[in-house]
């Protein structure tokens, strides 16, 4: 993660030479190529720093925890993963009378999870919820015929989003992003654009997933009748199997 010195333009701790993009000119010795002047000592003068982007980095990226070690890191993400889970199941069977019976069953699970989105301060909120509901009704129409009606419902949602709870929601305005770049999304709202620098901690932008991976409704009916030595059965089954996956980033 950027150090305070680096955020103030002092990149002398970086072994590779950095160059001033504002000095870019055509290379007279190599047509079609360009050259730039290096920053002396890898130090960027204050007038060449973009104050808005410095504020962005200071607001979004975490502070170093220790000097860069042999592995090339200067911080550790200790954000805990919190995963509570609730499960429940119930079934009711009811014999209304000798000719009519009914059953209902419900099974469900809910699992909200909070974890790191990649670095301290960036939070990933996940919400997993699924349930299965079934019901059936059986009626003995006569001593030789039976009608059975059943209903089934299956639903699974797997949603998540990234957030920066400690960053001002108007930071995009403060650092100078155009509202046309940070807003006007189909789902509405404004979001801080992502920004990353190769070799440093990365914030690729907000991400939201509203995934309804299973959305099934089922209706079924069966009718059986005995005629002499013959058993006649007929029935119908109708079900929908839908999936909704609007994703925004």
C-alpha atoms as a PDB file:
ATOM      1  CA  UNK A   1       0.000   0.000   0.000  1.00  0.00           C
ATOM      2  CA  UNK A   2       1.332   3.525  -0.724  1.00  0.00           C
ATOM      3  CA  UNK A   3       3.463   5.067   2.013  1.00  0.00           C
ATOM      4  CA  UNK A   4       2.969   8.682   3.188  1.00  0.00           C
ATOM      5  CA  UNK A   5       6.206   9.625   1.409  1.00  0.00           C
ATOM      6  CA  UNK A   6       4.999   8.073  -1.861  1.00  0.00           C
ATOM      7  CA  UNK A   7       1.662   9.862  -1.603  1.00  0.00           C
ATOM      8  CA  UNK A   8       3.604  13.123  -1.308  1.00  0.00           C
ATOM      9  CA  UNK A   9       5.545  12.360  -4.492  1.00  0.00           C
ATOM     10  CA  UNK A  10       8.690  10.790  -3.052  1.00  0.00           C
ATOM     11  CA  UNK A  11       9.064   7.521  -4.940  1.00  0.00           C
ATOM     12  CA  UNK A  12      12.774   7.166  -4.305  1.00  0.00           C
ATOM     13  CA  UNK A  13      12.170   3.753  -2.712  1.00  0.00           C
ATOM     14  CA  UNK A  14      11.045   2.379  -6.090  1.00  0.00           C
ATOM     15  CA  UNK A  15      13.996   0.841  -7.981  1.00  0.00           C
ATOM     16  CA  UNK A  16      12.600   1.507 -11.455  1.00  0.00           C
ATOM     17  CA  UNK A  17      13.022   4.944 -12.968  1.00  0.00           C
ATOM     18  CA  UNK A  18       9.793   6.937 -13.324  1.00  0.00           C
ATOM     19  CA  UNK A  19       9.242   9.578 -15.992  1.00  0.00           C
ATOM     20  CA  UNK A  20       7.368  12.848 -16.322  1.00  0.00           C
ATOM     21  CA  UNK A  21       4.433  12.256 -18.687  1.00  0.00           C
ATOM     22  CA  UNK A  22       4.129  15.994 -19.331  1.00  0.00           C
ATOM     23  CA  UNK A  23       7.529  15.998 -21.078  1.00  0.00           C
ATOM     24  CA  UNK A  24       6.530  13.446 -23.711  1.00  0.00           C
ATOM     25  CA  UNK A  25       7.890  14.363 -27.160  1.00  0.00           C
ATOM     26  CA  UNK A  26       8.577  12.543 -30.401  1.00  0.00           C
ATOM     27  CA  UNK A  27      11.897  10.678 -30.452  1.00  0.00           C
ATOM     28  CA  UNK A  28      13.959  12.306 -33.238  1.00  0.00           C
ATOM     29  CA  UNK A  29      16.086   9.190 -33.594  1.00  0.00           C
ATOM     30  CA  UNK A  30      13.176   6.743 -33.780  1.00  0.00           C
ATOM     31  CA  UNK A  31      10.227   7.933 -35.869  1.00  0.00           C
ATOM     32  CA  UNK A  32       6.891   6.842 -34.413  1.00  0.00           C
ATOM     33  CA  UNK A  33       8.299   6.498 -30.890  1.00  0.00           C
ATOM     34  CA  UNK A  34       8.367   8.899 -27.967  1.00  0.00           C
ATOM     35  CA  UNK A  35      10.686   9.876 -25.136  1.00  0.00           C
ATOM     36  CA  UNK A  36      10.129  11.503 -21.750  1.00  0.00           C
ATOM     37  CA  UNK A  37      12.318  13.129 -19.152  1.00  0.00           C
ATOM     38  CA  UNK A  38      12.912  11.237 -15.884  1.00  0.00           C
ATOM     39  CA  UNK A  39      11.953  12.617 -12.507  1.00  0.00           C
ATOM     40  CA  UNK A  40      15.200  13.337 -10.695  1.00  0.00           C
ATOM     41  CA  UNK A  41      15.632  10.913  -7.833  1.00  0.00           C
ATOM     42  CA  UNK A  42      12.151   9.533  -8.580  1.00  0.00           C
ATOM     43  CA  UNK A  43      10.670  12.530  -6.771  1.00  0.00           C
ATOM     44  CA  UNK A  44       7.581  14.173  -8.288  1.00  0.00           C
ATOM     45  CA  UNK A  45       7.417  17.943  -7.652  1.00  0.00           C
ATOM     46  CA  UNK A  46       4.307  19.059  -5.702  1.00  0.00           C
ATOM     47  CA  UNK A  47       2.990  21.052  -8.689  1.00  0.00           C
ATOM     48  CA  UNK A  48       2.853  17.863 -10.754  1.00  0.00           C
ATOM     49  CA  UNK A  49       0.739  15.961  -8.236  1.00  0.00           C
ATOM     50  CA  UNK A  50      -3.001  15.685  -8.770  1.00  0.00           C
ATOM     51  CA  UNK A  51      -4.446  16.740  -5.405  1.00  0.00           C
ATOM     52  CA  UNK A  52      -7.717  14.930  -6.077  1.00  0.00           C
ATOM     53  CA  UNK A  53      -6.003  11.610  -6.757  1.00  0.00           C
ATOM     54  CA  UNK A  54      -3.795  12.011  -3.692  1.00  0.00           C
ATOM     55  CA  UNK A  55      -6.925  12.516  -1.598  1.00  0.00           C
ATOM     56  CA  UNK A  56      -8.493   9.475  -3.296  1.00  0.00           C
ATOM     57  CA  UNK A  57      -5.515   7.277  -2.358  1.00  0.00           C
ATOM     58  CA  UNK A  58      -5.399   8.569   1.219  1.00  0.00           C
ATOM     59  CA  UNK A  59      -9.142   7.954   1.674  1.00  0.00           C
ATOM     60  CA  UNK A  60      -9.399   4.527   0.046  1.00  0.00           C
ATOM     61  CA  UNK A  61      -6.132   2.682   0.594  1.00  0.00           C
ATOM     62  CA  UNK A  62      -5.015   1.565   4.073  1.00  0.00           C
ATOM     63  CA  UNK A  63      -1.948   2.949   5.814  1.00  0.00           C
ATOM     64  CA  UNK A  64       1.212   0.801   5.879  1.00  0.00           C
ATOM     65  CA  UNK A  65       1.601  -1.294   9.023  1.00  0.00           C
ATOM     66  CA  UNK A  66       5.370  -1.792   8.804  1.00  0.00           C
ATOM     67  CA  UNK A  67       8.286  -1.153   6.389  1.00  0.00           C
ATOM     68  CA  UNK A  68       8.260  -3.202   3.203  1.00  0.00           C
ATOM     69  CA  UNK A  69       9.677  -6.634   3.979  1.00  0.00           C
ATOM     70  CA  UNK A  70      11.487  -9.196   1.830  1.00  0.00           C
ATOM     71  CA  UNK A  71       8.160 -10.386   0.429  1.00  0.00           C
ATOM     72  CA  UNK A  72       7.410  -6.903  -0.882  1.00  0.00           C
ATOM     73  CA  UNK A  73       4.483  -6.190   1.447  1.00  0.00           C
ATOM     74  CA  UNK A  74       3.990  -3.580   4.160  1.00  0.00           C
ATOM     75  CA  UNK A  75       0.666  -4.623   5.625  1.00  0.00           C
ATOM     76  CA  UNK A  76      -1.535  -7.554   6.592  1.00  0.00           C
ATOM     77  CA  UNK A  77      -5.273  -7.822   6.083  1.00  0.00           C
ATOM     78  CA  UNK A  78      -6.678  -9.099   9.376  1.00  0.00           C
ATOM     79  CA  UNK A  79     -10.338  -8.519   8.512  1.00  0.00           C
ATOM     80  CA  UNK A  80     -12.273 -11.472   9.996  1.00  0.00           C
ATOM     81  CA  UNK A  81     -14.683 -13.619   8.018  1.00  0.00           C
ATOM     82  CA  UNK A  82     -17.971 -13.756   9.931  1.00  0.00           C
ATOM     83  CA  UNK A  83     -20.366 -16.449   8.722  1.00  0.00           C
ATOM     84  CA  UNK A  84     -23.527 -17.002  10.767  1.00  0.00           C
ATOM     85  CA  UNK A  85     -25.906 -19.606   9.383  1.00  0.00           C
ATOM     86  CA  UNK A  86     -29.472 -20.463  10.321  1.00  0.00           C
ATOM     87  CA  UNK A  87     -31.269 -23.569   9.095  1.00  0.00           C
ATOM     88  CA  UNK A  88     -34.813 -24.697   9.705  1.00  0.00           C
ATOM     89  CA  UNK A  89     -37.181 -27.430   8.648  1.00  0.00           C
ATOM     90  CA  UNK A  90     -40.782 -28.227   9.477  1.00  0.00           C
ATOM     91  CA  UNK A  91     -43.329 -30.720   8.171  1.00  0.00           C
ATOM     92  CA  UNK A  92     -47.007 -31.052   9.015  1.00  0.00           C
ATOM     93  CA  UNK A  93     -49.173 -34.044   8.074  1.00  0.00           C
ATOM     94  CA  UNK A  94     -52.896 -33.804   8.624  1.00  0.00           C
ATOM     95  CA  UNK A  95     -55.502 -36.469   8.007  1.00  0.00           C
ATOM     96  CA  UNK A  96     -58.618 -34.362   7.696  1.00  0.00           C
ATOM     97  CA  UNK A  97     -60.903 -37.386   7.502  1.00  0.00           C
ATOM     98  CA  UNK A  98     -60.709 -40.938   6.128  1.00  0.00           C
ATOM     99  CA  UNK A  99     -60.892 -39.638   2.543  1.00  0.00           C
ATOM    100  CA  UNK A 100     -58.794 -36.454   2.688  1.00  0.00           C
ATOM    101  CA  UNK A 101     -55.215 -35.852   3.791  1.00  0.00           C
ATOM    102  CA  UNK A 102     -52.812 -32.924   3.560  1.00  0.00           C
ATOM    103  CA  UNK A 103     -49.077 -32.358   4.084  1.00  0.00           C
ATOM    104  CA  UNK A 104     -46.897 -29.237   4.074  1.00  0.00           C
ATOM    105  CA  UNK A 105     -43.100 -29.073   4.337  1.00  0.00           C
ATOM    106  CA  UNK A 106     -40.634 -26.179   4.516  1.00  0.00           C
ATOM    107  CA  UNK A 107     -36.827 -26.303   4.513  1.00  0.00           C
ATOM    108  CA  UNK A 108     -34.715 -23.128   4.530  1.00  0.00           C
ATOM    109  CA  UNK A 109     -31.224 -21.766   5.097  1.00  0.00           C
ATOM    110  CA  UNK A 110     -29.982 -18.186   5.530  1.00  0.00           C
ATOM    111  CA  UNK A 111     -26.297 -17.285   5.558  1.00  0.00           C
ATOM    112  CA  UNK A 112     -25.160 -13.654   5.659  1.00  0.00           C
ATOM    113  CA  UNK A 113     -21.375 -13.294   5.523  1.00  0.00           C
ATOM    114  CA  UNK A 114     -19.032 -10.368   6.054  1.00  0.00           C
ATOM    115  CA  UNK A 115     -15.415 -10.556   4.882  1.00  0.00           C
ATOM    116  CA  UNK A 116     -12.630  -8.524   3.349  1.00  0.00           C
ATOM    117  CA  UNK A 117     -13.053  -7.288  -0.193  1.00  0.00           C
ATOM    118  CA  UNK A 118      -9.291  -7.310  -0.742  1.00  0.00           C
ATOM    119  CA  UNK A 119      -7.772  -4.937   1.791  1.00  0.00           C
ATOM    120  CA  UNK A 120      -8.637  -3.445   5.213  1.00  0.00           C
ATOM    121  CA  UNK A 121     -11.551  -1.049   4.908  1.00  0.00           C
ATOM    122  CA  UNK A 122     -13.033  -2.691   1.795  1.00  0.00           C
ATOM    123  CA  UNK A 123     -15.888  -4.921   2.960  1.00  0.00           C
ATOM    124  CA  UNK A 124     -17.610  -7.687   1.044  1.00  0.00           C
ATOM    125  CA  UNK A 125     -21.143  -8.430   2.206  1.00  0.00           C
ATOM    126  CA  UNK A 126     -22.604 -11.713   1.018  1.00  0.00           C
ATOM    127  CA  UNK A 127     -26.140 -12.962   1.514  1.00  0.00           C
ATOM    128  CA  UNK A 128     -27.103 -16.533   0.706  1.00  0.00           C
ATOM    129  CA  UNK A 129     -30.694 -17.587   1.192  1.00  0.00           C
ATOM    130  CA  UNK A 130     -32.478 -20.652  -0.061  1.00  0.00           C
ATOM    131  CA  UNK A 131     -35.670 -22.491   0.724  1.00  0.00           C
ATOM    132  CA  UNK A 132     -37.823 -25.329  -0.531  1.00  0.00           C
ATOM    133  CA  UNK A 133     -41.550 -25.455   0.073  1.00  0.00           C
ATOM    134  CA  UNK A 134     -43.806 -28.366  -0.756  1.00  0.00           C
ATOM    135  CA  UNK A 135     -47.456 -29.149  -0.182  1.00  0.00           C
ATOM    136  CA  UNK A 136     -49.727 -31.996  -1.183  1.00  0.00           C
ATOM    137  CA  UNK A 137     -53.407 -32.864  -0.991  1.00  0.00           C
ATOM    138  CA  UNK A 138     -54.820 -36.356  -1.543  1.00  0.00           C
ATOM    139  CA  UNK A 139     -58.507 -37.221  -1.846  1.00  0.00           C
ATOM    140  CA  UNK A 140     -60.072 -40.629  -2.238  1.00  0.00           C
ATOM    141  CA  UNK A 141     -62.806 -39.880  -4.721  1.00  0.00           C
ATOM    142  CA  UNK A 142     -64.233 -43.377  -4.266  1.00  0.00           C
ATOM    143  CA  UNK A 143     -63.054 -46.835  -3.324  1.00  0.00           C
ATOM    144  CA  UNK A 144     -61.458 -47.126  -6.780  1.00  0.00           C
ATOM    145  CA  UNK A 145     -60.196 -43.609  -7.584  1.00  0.00           C
ATOM    146  CA  UNK A 146     -57.697 -41.199  -6.038  1.00  0.00           C
ATOM    147  CA  UNK A 147     -56.867 -37.554  -6.812  1.00  0.00           C
ATOM    148  CA  UNK A 148     -53.524 -36.093  -5.783  1.00  0.00           C
ATOM    149  CA  UNK A 149     -52.531 -32.411  -6.084  1.00  0.00           C
ATOM    150  CA  UNK A 150     -49.026 -31.139  -5.245  1.00  0.00           C
ATOM    151  CA  UNK A 151     -47.238 -27.793  -5.156  1.00  0.00           C
ATOM    152  CA  UNK A 152     -43.493 -27.122  -5.007  1.00  0.00           C
ATOM    153  CA  UNK A 153     -41.426 -23.975  -4.645  1.00  0.00           C
ATOM    154  CA  UNK A 154     -37.634 -23.709  -4.757  1.00  0.00           C
ATOM    155  CA  UNK A 155     -35.702 -20.457  -4.389  1.00  0.00           C
ATOM    156  CA  UNK A 156     -31.955 -19.781  -4.047  1.00  0.00           C
ATOM    157  CA  UNK A 157     -30.389 -16.312  -3.853  1.00  0.00           C
ATOM    158  CA  UNK A 158     -26.656 -15.575  -3.785  1.00  0.00           C
ATOM    159  CA  UNK A 159     -26.112 -11.830  -3.450  1.00  0.00           C
ATOM    160  CA  UNK A 160     -23.029  -9.794  -2.633  1.00  0.00           C
ATOM    161  CA  UNK A 161     -21.681  -6.268  -2.751  1.00  0.00           C
ATOM    162  CA  UNK A 162     -18.456  -4.410  -2.026  1.00  0.00           C
ATOM    163  CA  UNK A 163     -18.502  -1.283   0.101  1.00  0.00           C
ATOM    164  CA  UNK A 164     -16.157   1.245   1.706  1.00  0.00           C
ATOM    165  CA  UNK A 165     -18.074   2.050   4.901  1.00  0.00           C
ATOM    166  CA  UNK A 166     -15.406   4.451   6.186  1.00  0.00           C
ATOM    167  CA  UNK A 167     -15.184   6.493   2.972  1.00  0.00           C
ATOM    168  CA  UNK A 168     -17.449   9.484   2.354  1.00  0.00           C
ATOM    169  CA  UNK A 169     -20.145   8.706  -0.251  1.00  0.00           C
ATOM    170  CA  UNK A 170     -19.377  12.075  -1.867  1.00  0.00           C
ATOM    171  CA  UNK A 171     -15.635  11.421  -2.250  1.00  0.00           C
ATOM    172  CA  UNK A 172     -16.084  11.080  -6.012  1.00  0.00           C
ATOM    173  CA  UNK A 173     -17.207  14.717  -6.066  1.00  0.00           C
ATOM    174  CA  UNK A 174     -14.443  15.901  -3.751  1.00  0.00           C
ATOM    175  CA  UNK A 175     -11.679  14.406  -5.911  1.00  0.00           C
ATOM    176  CA  UNK A 176     -13.150  15.743  -9.156  1.00  0.00           C
ATOM    177  CA  UNK A 177     -14.832  12.826 -10.960  1.00  0.00           C
ATOM    178  CA  UNK A 178     -17.523  13.786 -13.434  1.00  0.00           C
ATOM    179  CA  UNK A 179     -21.066  12.760 -12.392  1.00  0.00           C
ATOM    180  CA  UNK A 180     -21.418  11.211 -15.841  1.00  0.00           C
ATOM    181  CA  UNK A 181     -18.537   8.908 -14.971  1.00  0.00           C
ATOM    182  CA  UNK A 182     -19.562   8.079 -11.402  1.00  0.00           C
ATOM    183  CA  UNK A 183     -23.336   7.847 -11.925  1.00  0.00           C
ATOM    184  CA  UNK A 184     -26.148   7.364 -14.437  1.00  0.00           C
ATOM    185  CA  UNK A 185     -26.140   3.602 -13.864  1.00  0.00           C
ATOM    186  CA  UNK A 186     -29.214   1.525 -14.828  1.00  0.00           C
ATOM    187  CA  UNK A 187     -29.760   0.624 -11.160  1.00  0.00           C
ATOM    188  CA  UNK A 188     -29.332   4.240 -10.077  1.00  0.00           C
ATOM    189  CA  UNK A 189     -27.000   5.722  -7.499  1.00  0.00           C
ATOM    190  CA  UNK A 190     -23.449   7.044  -7.721  1.00  0.00           C
ATOM    191  CA  UNK A 191     -20.320   5.039  -7.057  1.00  0.00           C
ATOM    192  CA  UNK A 192     -16.678   5.865  -6.509  1.00  0.00           C
ATOM    193  CA  UNK A 193     -14.765   4.661  -9.583  1.00  0.00           C
ATOM    194  CA  UNK A 194     -12.122   2.023  -9.043  1.00  0.00           C
ATOM    195  CA  UNK A 195      -8.448   2.780  -9.460  1.00  0.00           C
ATOM    196  CA  UNK A 196      -5.420   0.553  -9.223  1.00  0.00           C
ATOM    197  CA  UNK A 197      -1.673   0.842  -9.713  1.00  0.00           C
ATOM    198  CA  UNK A 198       0.322  -2.208 -10.756  1.00  0.00           C
ATOM    199  CA  UNK A 199       2.270  -3.594  -7.834  1.00  0.00           C
ATOM    200  CA  UNK A 200       0.186  -1.821  -5.190  1.00  0.00           C
ATOM    201  CA  UNK A 201      -3.075  -2.574  -3.418  1.00  0.00           C
ATOM    202  CA  UNK A 202      -6.002  -2.437  -5.858  1.00  0.00           C
ATOM    203  CA  UNK A 203      -9.547  -1.132  -5.715  1.00  0.00           C
ATOM    204  CA  UNK A 204     -11.249  -2.262  -8.897  1.00  0.00           C
ATOM    205  CA  UNK A 205     -14.517  -0.505  -8.072  1.00  0.00           C
ATOM    206  CA  UNK A 206     -17.805  -1.264  -6.420  1.00  0.00           C
ATOM    207  CA  UNK A 207     -19.465  -4.516  -7.332  1.00  0.00           C
ATOM    208  CA  UNK A 208     -23.001  -5.689  -6.712  1.00  0.00           C
ATOM    209  CA  UNK A 209     -24.497  -9.058  -7.575  1.00  0.00           C
ATOM    210  CA  UNK A 210     -28.165  -9.890  -7.209  1.00  0.00           C
ATOM    211  CA  UNK A 211     -28.229 -13.510  -8.299  1.00  0.00           C
ATOM    212  CA  UNK A 212     -31.473 -15.465  -8.062  1.00  0.00           C
ATOM    213  CA  UNK A 213     -29.938 -18.696  -9.313  1.00  0.00           C
ATOM    214  CA  UNK A 214     -33.026 -20.840  -8.774  1.00  0.00           C
ATOM    215  CA  UNK A 215     -36.617 -19.618  -8.968  1.00  0.00           C
ATOM    216  CA  UNK A 216     -38.881 -22.628  -9.500  1.00  0.00           C
ATOM    217  CA  UNK A 217     -42.655 -22.945  -9.177  1.00  0.00           C
ATOM    218  CA  UNK A 218     -44.180 -26.391  -9.731  1.00  0.00           C
ATOM    219  CA  UNK A 219     -47.789 -27.534  -9.909  1.00  0.00           C
ATOM    220  CA  UNK A 220     -48.717 -31.181 -10.300  1.00  0.00           C
ATOM    221  CA  UNK A 221     -51.902 -33.227 -10.389  1.00  0.00           C
ATOM    222  CA  UNK A 222     -52.462 -37.001 -10.699  1.00  0.00           C
ATOM    223  CA  UNK A 223     -55.652 -39.022 -10.979  1.00  0.00           C
ATOM    224  CA  UNK A 224     -55.849 -42.817 -10.700  1.00  0.00           C
ATOM    225  CA  UNK A 225     -58.851 -45.091 -11.166  1.00  0.00           C
ATOM    226  CA  UNK A 226     -59.310 -48.840 -11.159  1.00  0.00           C
ATOM    227  CA  UNK A 227     -61.600 -50.388 -13.769  1.00  0.00           C
ATOM    228  CA  UNK A 228     -61.881 -54.127 -13.364  1.00  0.00           C
ATOM    229  CA  UNK A 229     -58.433 -55.576 -13.923  1.00  0.00           C
ATOM    230  CA  UNK A 230     -57.073 -52.266 -15.257  1.00  0.00           C
ATOM    231  CA  UNK A 231     -55.394 -49.310 -13.497  1.00  0.00           C
ATOM    232  CA  UNK A 232     -55.738 -46.047 -15.399  1.00  0.00           C
ATOM    233  CA  UNK A 233     -53.485 -43.122 -14.414  1.00  0.00           C
ATOM    234  CA  UNK A 234     -53.309 -39.628 -15.809  1.00  0.00           C
ATOM    235  CA  UNK A 235     -51.767 -36.392 -14.667  1.00  0.00           C
ATOM    236  CA  UNK A 236     -50.018 -33.152 -15.513  1.00  0.00           C
ATOM    237  CA  UNK A 237     -46.942 -31.356 -14.255  1.00  0.00           C
ATOM    238  CA  UNK A 238     -46.153 -27.706 -14.896  1.00  0.00           C
ATOM    239  CA  UNK A 239     -43.049 -25.980 -13.591  1.00  0.00           C
ATOM    240  CA  UNK A 240     -41.071 -22.841 -14.287  1.00  0.00           C
ATOM    241  CA  UNK A 241     -37.287 -22.722 -13.923  1.00  0.00           C
ATOM    242  CA  UNK A 242     -36.075 -19.133 -13.945  1.00  0.00           C
ATOM    243  CA  UNK A 243     -32.777 -17.449 -13.167  1.00  0.00           C
ATOM    244  CA  UNK A 244     -32.209 -13.745 -12.611  1.00  0.00           C
ATOM    245  CA  UNK A 245     -28.691 -12.383 -12.763  1.00  0.00           C
ATOM    246  CA  UNK A 246     -28.506  -8.592 -12.894  1.00  0.00           C
ATOM    247  CA  UNK A 247     -24.911  -7.628 -12.126  1.00  0.00           C
ATOM    248  CA  UNK A 248     -23.472  -4.129 -11.864  1.00  0.00           C
ATOM    249  CA  UNK A 249     -19.918  -3.039 -11.284  1.00  0.00           C
END
